């Protein structure tokens, strides 16, 4: 079975994209490729990173933003459907998963 694991790992290495360094608490803008019929466009999503989980091609991140007074959280796979990630502001948080940010209404004021 170890041979199969090596095969899967070697196939996944080709699919892993370069992403900028960011951590939880940072404010990022994520550009996702959206397909509508035959057309494709980039849709930005800007917010605070709540968590990163997984590794390799299965790595995901959860981003939270406030839209029209309502908190919206999205989980993005880092190596699939994302065009690019921009780190807008680096923040220092002491927890690896700062879920207390859900209680704050003005997310850009942290740090």
N, C-alpha and C. Protein backbone atom coordinates (compact mmCIF):
# COMPACT_ATOMS: atom_id res chain seq x y z
N UNK A 1 0.81 -1.19 0.00
CA UNK A 1 0.00 0.00 0.00
C UNK A 1 0.86 1.26 0.00
N UNK A 2 2.10 1.14 0.44
CA UNK A 2 2.99 2.30 0.47
C UNK A 2 3.28 2.80 -0.95
N UNK A 3 3.30 1.93 -1.92
CA UNK A 3 3.52 2.33 -3.30
C UNK A 3 2.41 3.22 -3.82
N UNK A 4 1.18 2.94 -3.40
CA UNK A 4 0.03 3.75 -3.82
C UNK A 4 0.11 5.15 -3.20
N UNK A 5 0.55 5.24 -1.94
CA UNK A 5 0.70 6.54 -1.30
C UNK A 5 1.74 7.39 -2.01
N UNK A 6 2.84 6.78 -2.42
CA UNK A 6 3.87 7.51 -3.15
C UNK A 6 3.36 8.00 -4.49
N UNK A 7 2.56 7.20 -5.15
CA UNK A 7 1.98 7.58 -6.44
C UNK A 7 1.04 8.77 -6.28
N UNK A 8 0.19 8.73 -5.28
CA UNK A 8 -0.75 9.83 -5.03
C UNK A 8 0.01 11.10 -4.68
N UNK A 9 1.03 11.00 -3.82
CA UNK A 9 1.83 12.16 -3.45
C UNK A 9 2.52 12.78 -4.65
N UNK A 10 3.04 11.96 -5.55
CA UNK A 10 3.74 12.49 -6.72
C UNK A 10 2.76 13.17 -7.69
N UNK A 11 1.54 12.65 -7.81
CA UNK A 11 0.54 13.29 -8.65
C UNK A 11 0.06 14.61 -8.06
N UNK A 12 -0.05 14.66 -6.73
CA UNK A 12 -0.52 15.89 -6.08
C UNK A 12 0.51 17.00 -6.16
N UNK A 13 1.79 16.69 -6.21
CA UNK A 13 2.82 17.73 -6.26
C UNK A 13 2.69 18.60 -7.50
N UNK A 14 2.19 18.04 -8.61
CA UNK A 14 2.01 18.82 -9.83
C UNK A 14 0.85 19.80 -9.70
N UNK A 15 -0.13 19.50 -8.84
CA UNK A 15 -1.33 20.32 -8.72
C UNK A 15 -1.21 21.43 -7.67
N UNK A 16 -0.20 21.38 -6.82
CA UNK A 16 -0.04 22.37 -5.75
C UNK A 16 0.44 23.69 -6.36
N UNK A 17 -0.30 24.78 -6.07
CA UNK A 17 0.05 26.12 -6.57
C UNK A 17 0.86 26.87 -5.53
N UNK A 18 1.55 27.90 -6.00
CA UNK A 18 2.26 28.79 -5.09
C UNK A 18 1.27 29.78 -4.49
N UNK A 19 1.21 29.86 -3.16
CA UNK A 19 0.35 30.83 -2.49
C UNK A 19 1.22 31.71 -1.60
N UNK A 20 0.84 32.97 -1.42
CA UNK A 20 1.64 33.83 -0.55
C UNK A 20 1.50 33.39 0.90
N UNK A 21 2.45 33.80 1.70
CA UNK A 21 2.41 33.44 3.11
C UNK A 21 1.40 34.32 3.83
N UNK A 22 0.48 33.68 4.53
CA UNK A 22 -0.49 34.39 5.36
C UNK A 22 -0.87 33.48 6.51
N UNK A 23 -1.39 34.10 7.56
CA UNK A 23 -1.75 33.34 8.75
C UNK A 23 -3.16 33.75 9.18
N UNK A 24 -3.66 33.11 10.23
CA UNK A 24 -4.97 33.47 10.73
C UNK A 24 -4.91 34.89 11.28
N UNK A 25 -6.00 35.62 11.09
CA UNK A 25 -6.07 37.01 11.53
C UNK A 25 -5.70 38.00 10.44
N UNK A 26 -5.03 37.56 9.39
CA UNK A 26 -4.66 38.46 8.29
C UNK A 26 -5.88 38.80 7.45
N UNK A 27 -5.89 39.98 6.87
CA UNK A 27 -6.95 40.39 5.96
C UNK A 27 -6.48 40.12 4.55
N UNK A 28 -7.23 39.32 3.82
CA UNK A 28 -6.84 38.90 2.48
C UNK A 28 -7.97 39.20 1.49
N UNK A 29 -7.59 39.29 0.22
CA UNK A 29 -8.56 39.38 -0.87
C UNK A 29 -8.31 38.16 -1.75
N UNK A 30 -9.35 37.34 -1.91
CA UNK A 30 -9.26 36.09 -2.66
C UNK A 30 -10.02 36.28 -3.97
N UNK A 31 -9.38 35.98 -5.09
CA UNK A 31 -10.02 36.06 -6.40
C UNK A 31 -10.36 34.64 -6.85
N UNK A 32 -11.65 34.37 -6.94
CA UNK A 32 -12.13 33.04 -7.32
C UNK A 32 -12.61 33.08 -8.77
N UNK A 33 -12.28 32.06 -9.53
CA UNK A 33 -12.73 31.95 -10.91
C UNK A 33 -14.15 31.37 -10.92
N UNK A 34 -15.11 32.17 -11.45
CA UNK A 34 -16.52 31.76 -11.48
C UNK A 34 -16.93 31.56 -12.92
N UNK A 35 -17.57 30.43 -13.22
CA UNK A 35 -18.04 30.14 -14.57
C UNK A 35 -19.54 30.35 -14.63
N UNK A 36 -19.97 31.23 -15.54
CA UNK A 36 -21.40 31.48 -15.75
C UNK A 36 -21.71 31.18 -17.20
N UNK A 37 -22.29 30.03 -17.44
CA UNK A 37 -22.56 29.62 -18.82
C UNK A 37 -21.25 29.33 -19.54
N UNK A 38 -20.97 30.09 -20.59
CA UNK A 38 -19.72 29.91 -21.34
C UNK A 38 -18.66 30.92 -20.93
N UNK A 39 -19.04 31.89 -20.10
CA UNK A 39 -18.09 32.94 -19.71
C UNK A 39 -17.48 32.65 -18.35
N UNK A 40 -16.26 33.15 -18.15
CA UNK A 40 -15.59 33.06 -16.84
C UNK A 40 -15.23 34.46 -16.38
N UNK A 41 -15.32 34.66 -15.07
CA UNK A 41 -14.91 35.95 -14.51
C UNK A 41 -14.28 35.72 -13.15
N UNK A 42 -13.60 36.75 -12.65
CA UNK A 42 -12.98 36.68 -11.33
C UNK A 42 -13.87 37.40 -10.33
N UNK A 43 -14.16 36.74 -9.22
CA UNK A 43 -14.99 37.34 -8.19
C UNK A 43 -14.15 37.50 -6.93
N UNK A 44 -13.94 38.75 -6.47
CA UNK A 44 -13.14 38.95 -5.25
C UNK A 44 -13.96 38.73 -3.98
N UNK A 45 -13.29 38.27 -2.95
CA UNK A 45 -13.89 38.08 -1.63
C UNK A 45 -12.85 38.54 -0.63
N UNK A 46 -13.15 39.59 0.12
CA UNK A 46 -12.18 40.19 1.04
C UNK A 46 -12.65 40.00 2.47
N UNK A 47 -11.75 39.54 3.33
CA UNK A 47 -12.11 39.35 4.73
C UNK A 47 -10.94 38.86 5.55
N UNK A 48 -11.25 38.44 6.77
CA UNK A 48 -10.25 37.99 7.73
C UNK A 48 -10.16 36.48 7.68
N UNK A 49 -8.94 35.96 7.69
CA UNK A 49 -8.73 34.51 7.69
C UNK A 49 -9.01 33.98 9.09
N UNK A 50 -9.98 33.07 9.19
CA UNK A 50 -10.31 32.47 10.48
C UNK A 50 -9.51 31.20 10.74
N UNK A 51 -9.28 30.42 9.69
CA UNK A 51 -8.51 29.20 9.90
C UNK A 51 -7.94 28.69 8.60
N UNK A 52 -6.86 27.93 8.71
CA UNK A 52 -6.28 27.15 7.61
C UNK A 52 -6.24 25.71 8.09
N UNK A 53 -6.60 24.80 7.21
CA UNK A 53 -6.57 23.41 7.61
C UNK A 53 -6.20 22.54 6.43
N UNK A 54 -5.73 21.35 6.71
CA UNK A 54 -5.34 20.41 5.68
C UNK A 54 -3.92 20.66 5.20
N UNK A 55 -3.51 19.86 4.22
CA UNK A 55 -2.18 20.01 3.64
C UNK A 55 -2.22 19.49 2.21
N UNK A 56 -1.23 19.87 1.45
CA UNK A 56 -1.16 19.43 0.06
C UNK A 56 -2.28 20.03 -0.76
N UNK A 57 -2.85 19.25 -1.64
CA UNK A 57 -3.92 19.76 -2.50
C UNK A 57 -5.24 19.88 -1.76
N UNK A 58 -5.34 19.32 -0.57
CA UNK A 58 -6.59 19.39 0.20
C UNK A 58 -6.60 20.55 1.20
N UNK A 59 -5.64 21.44 1.12
CA UNK A 59 -5.57 22.55 2.07
C UNK A 59 -6.69 23.55 1.81
N UNK A 60 -7.35 23.99 2.88
CA UNK A 60 -8.43 24.96 2.77
C UNK A 60 -8.21 26.11 3.73
N UNK A 61 -8.93 27.20 3.47
CA UNK A 61 -8.91 28.33 4.40
C UNK A 61 -10.32 28.88 4.49
N UNK A 62 -10.67 29.39 5.67
CA UNK A 62 -11.98 29.98 5.90
C UNK A 62 -11.79 31.48 6.07
N UNK A 63 -12.55 32.27 5.29
CA UNK A 63 -12.45 33.72 5.31
C UNK A 63 -13.81 34.27 5.72
N UNK A 64 -13.80 35.27 6.60
CA UNK A 64 -15.03 35.89 7.10
C UNK A 64 -15.04 37.36 6.76
N UNK A 65 -16.19 37.85 6.32
CA UNK A 65 -16.36 39.28 6.08
C UNK A 65 -17.76 39.68 6.50
N UNK A 66 -17.97 40.99 6.63
CA UNK A 66 -19.27 41.54 6.97
C UNK A 66 -19.87 42.12 5.70
N UNK A 67 -21.01 41.61 5.27
CA UNK A 67 -21.69 42.10 4.07
C UNK A 67 -23.09 42.55 4.46
N UNK A 68 -23.37 43.84 4.32
CA UNK A 68 -24.67 44.43 4.65
C UNK A 68 -25.06 44.14 6.10
N UNK A 69 -24.08 44.20 7.00
CA UNK A 69 -24.34 43.99 8.42
C UNK A 69 -24.47 42.55 8.85
N UNK A 70 -24.26 41.62 7.93
CA UNK A 70 -24.37 40.19 8.24
C UNK A 70 -23.02 39.54 8.00
N UNK A 71 -22.57 38.72 8.93
CA UNK A 71 -21.31 38.01 8.76
C UNK A 71 -21.43 36.88 7.76
N UNK A 72 -20.47 36.82 6.82
CA UNK A 72 -20.46 35.79 5.79
C UNK A 72 -19.13 35.07 5.86
N UNK A 73 -19.17 33.74 5.96
CA UNK A 73 -17.95 32.94 5.98
C UNK A 73 -17.94 32.02 4.78
N UNK A 74 -16.77 31.93 4.14
CA UNK A 74 -16.61 31.01 3.01
C UNK A 74 -15.35 30.21 3.21
N UNK A 75 -15.40 28.96 2.83
CA UNK A 75 -14.23 28.09 2.88
C UNK A 75 -13.76 27.86 1.46
N UNK A 76 -12.50 28.19 1.19
CA UNK A 76 -11.92 28.07 -0.13
C UNK A 76 -10.87 26.97 -0.15
N UNK A 77 -10.87 26.11 -1.15
CA UNK A 77 -9.72 25.22 -1.35
C UNK A 77 -8.58 26.04 -1.95
N UNK A 78 -7.41 25.98 -1.37
CA UNK A 78 -6.31 26.85 -1.80
C UNK A 78 -5.78 26.53 -3.19
N UNK A 79 -5.88 25.28 -3.62
CA UNK A 79 -5.24 24.90 -4.87
C UNK A 79 -6.24 24.56 -5.98
N UNK A 80 -7.47 25.07 -5.86
CA UNK A 80 -8.49 24.76 -6.86
C UNK A 80 -9.41 25.96 -7.02
N UNK A 81 -9.60 26.42 -8.24
CA UNK A 81 -10.51 27.51 -8.60
C UNK A 81 -10.08 28.89 -8.11
N UNK A 82 -8.97 29.02 -7.42
CA UNK A 82 -8.51 30.33 -6.98
C UNK A 82 -7.49 30.87 -7.97
N UNK A 83 -7.71 32.08 -8.41
CA UNK A 83 -6.78 32.70 -9.35
C UNK A 83 -5.57 33.26 -8.60
N UNK A 84 -5.85 34.07 -7.56
CA UNK A 84 -4.76 34.61 -6.76
C UNK A 84 -5.28 35.05 -5.40
N UNK A 85 -4.33 35.24 -4.48
CA UNK A 85 -4.63 35.68 -3.12
C UNK A 85 -3.74 36.88 -2.83
N UNK A 86 -4.34 37.98 -2.38
CA UNK A 86 -3.58 39.17 -2.00
C UNK A 86 -3.69 39.35 -0.49
N UNK A 87 -2.55 39.53 0.16
CA UNK A 87 -2.55 39.82 1.59
C UNK A 87 -2.58 41.33 1.74
N UNK A 88 -3.69 41.87 2.30
CA UNK A 88 -3.86 43.31 2.42
C UNK A 88 -3.26 43.85 3.72
N UNK A 89 -3.44 43.11 4.81
CA UNK A 89 -2.96 43.57 6.11
C UNK A 89 -2.61 42.37 6.97
N UNK A 90 -1.49 42.44 7.62
CA UNK A 90 -1.08 41.37 8.52
C UNK A 90 -1.45 41.76 9.95
N UNK A 91 -2.09 40.85 10.64
CA UNK A 91 -2.49 41.07 12.03
C UNK A 91 -1.87 40.00 12.90
N UNK A 92 -1.69 40.35 14.16
CA UNK A 92 -1.15 39.42 15.13
C UNK A 92 -2.28 38.93 16.03
N UNK A 93 -2.62 37.67 15.95
CA UNK A 93 -3.60 37.08 16.85
C UNK A 93 -2.91 35.97 17.62
N UNK A 94 -3.36 35.75 18.85
CA UNK A 94 -2.68 34.79 19.70
C UNK A 94 -3.25 33.39 19.58
N UNK A 95 -4.39 33.25 18.93
CA UNK A 95 -4.99 31.94 18.79
C UNK A 95 -4.86 31.47 17.35
N UNK A 96 -4.76 30.17 17.16
CA UNK A 96 -4.62 29.66 15.81
C UNK A 96 -5.95 29.68 15.06
N UNK A 97 -7.05 29.64 15.79
CA UNK A 97 -8.37 29.73 15.17
C UNK A 97 -9.19 30.76 15.96
N UNK A 98 -9.09 32.03 15.60
CA UNK A 98 -9.72 33.10 16.39
C UNK A 98 -11.21 33.22 16.11
N UNK A 99 -11.99 32.27 16.63
CA UNK A 99 -13.43 32.31 16.41
C UNK A 99 -14.09 33.44 17.17
N UNK A 100 -13.40 34.07 18.11
CA UNK A 100 -13.95 35.22 18.80
C UNK A 100 -14.18 36.38 17.84
N UNK A 101 -13.56 36.34 16.65
CA UNK A 101 -13.79 37.39 15.66
C UNK A 101 -15.22 37.40 15.15
N UNK A 102 -15.93 36.30 15.35
CA UNK A 102 -17.34 36.25 14.93
C UNK A 102 -18.20 37.21 15.74
N UNK A 103 -17.77 37.56 16.95
CA UNK A 103 -18.55 38.48 17.78
C UNK A 103 -18.23 39.93 17.50
N UNK A 104 -17.21 40.22 16.67
CA UNK A 104 -16.80 41.58 16.40
C UNK A 104 -17.45 42.03 15.08
N UNK A 105 -18.06 43.21 15.11
CA UNK A 105 -18.76 43.66 13.90
C UNK A 105 -17.86 44.42 12.95
N UNK A 106 -16.74 44.94 13.42
CA UNK A 106 -15.83 45.69 12.54
C UNK A 106 -14.50 44.96 12.45
N UNK A 107 -14.42 44.03 11.53
CA UNK A 107 -13.28 43.12 11.45
C UNK A 107 -11.98 43.81 11.06
N UNK A 108 -12.06 44.92 10.33
CA UNK A 108 -10.84 45.58 9.90
C UNK A 108 -10.16 46.35 11.02
N UNK A 109 -10.75 46.39 12.20
CA UNK A 109 -10.18 47.12 13.31
C UNK A 109 -9.32 46.24 14.22
N UNK A 110 -9.19 44.95 13.92
CA UNK A 110 -8.38 44.10 14.79
C UNK A 110 -6.91 44.37 14.57
N UNK A 111 -6.10 43.96 15.51
CA UNK A 111 -4.66 44.08 15.34
C UNK A 111 -4.14 45.15 16.12
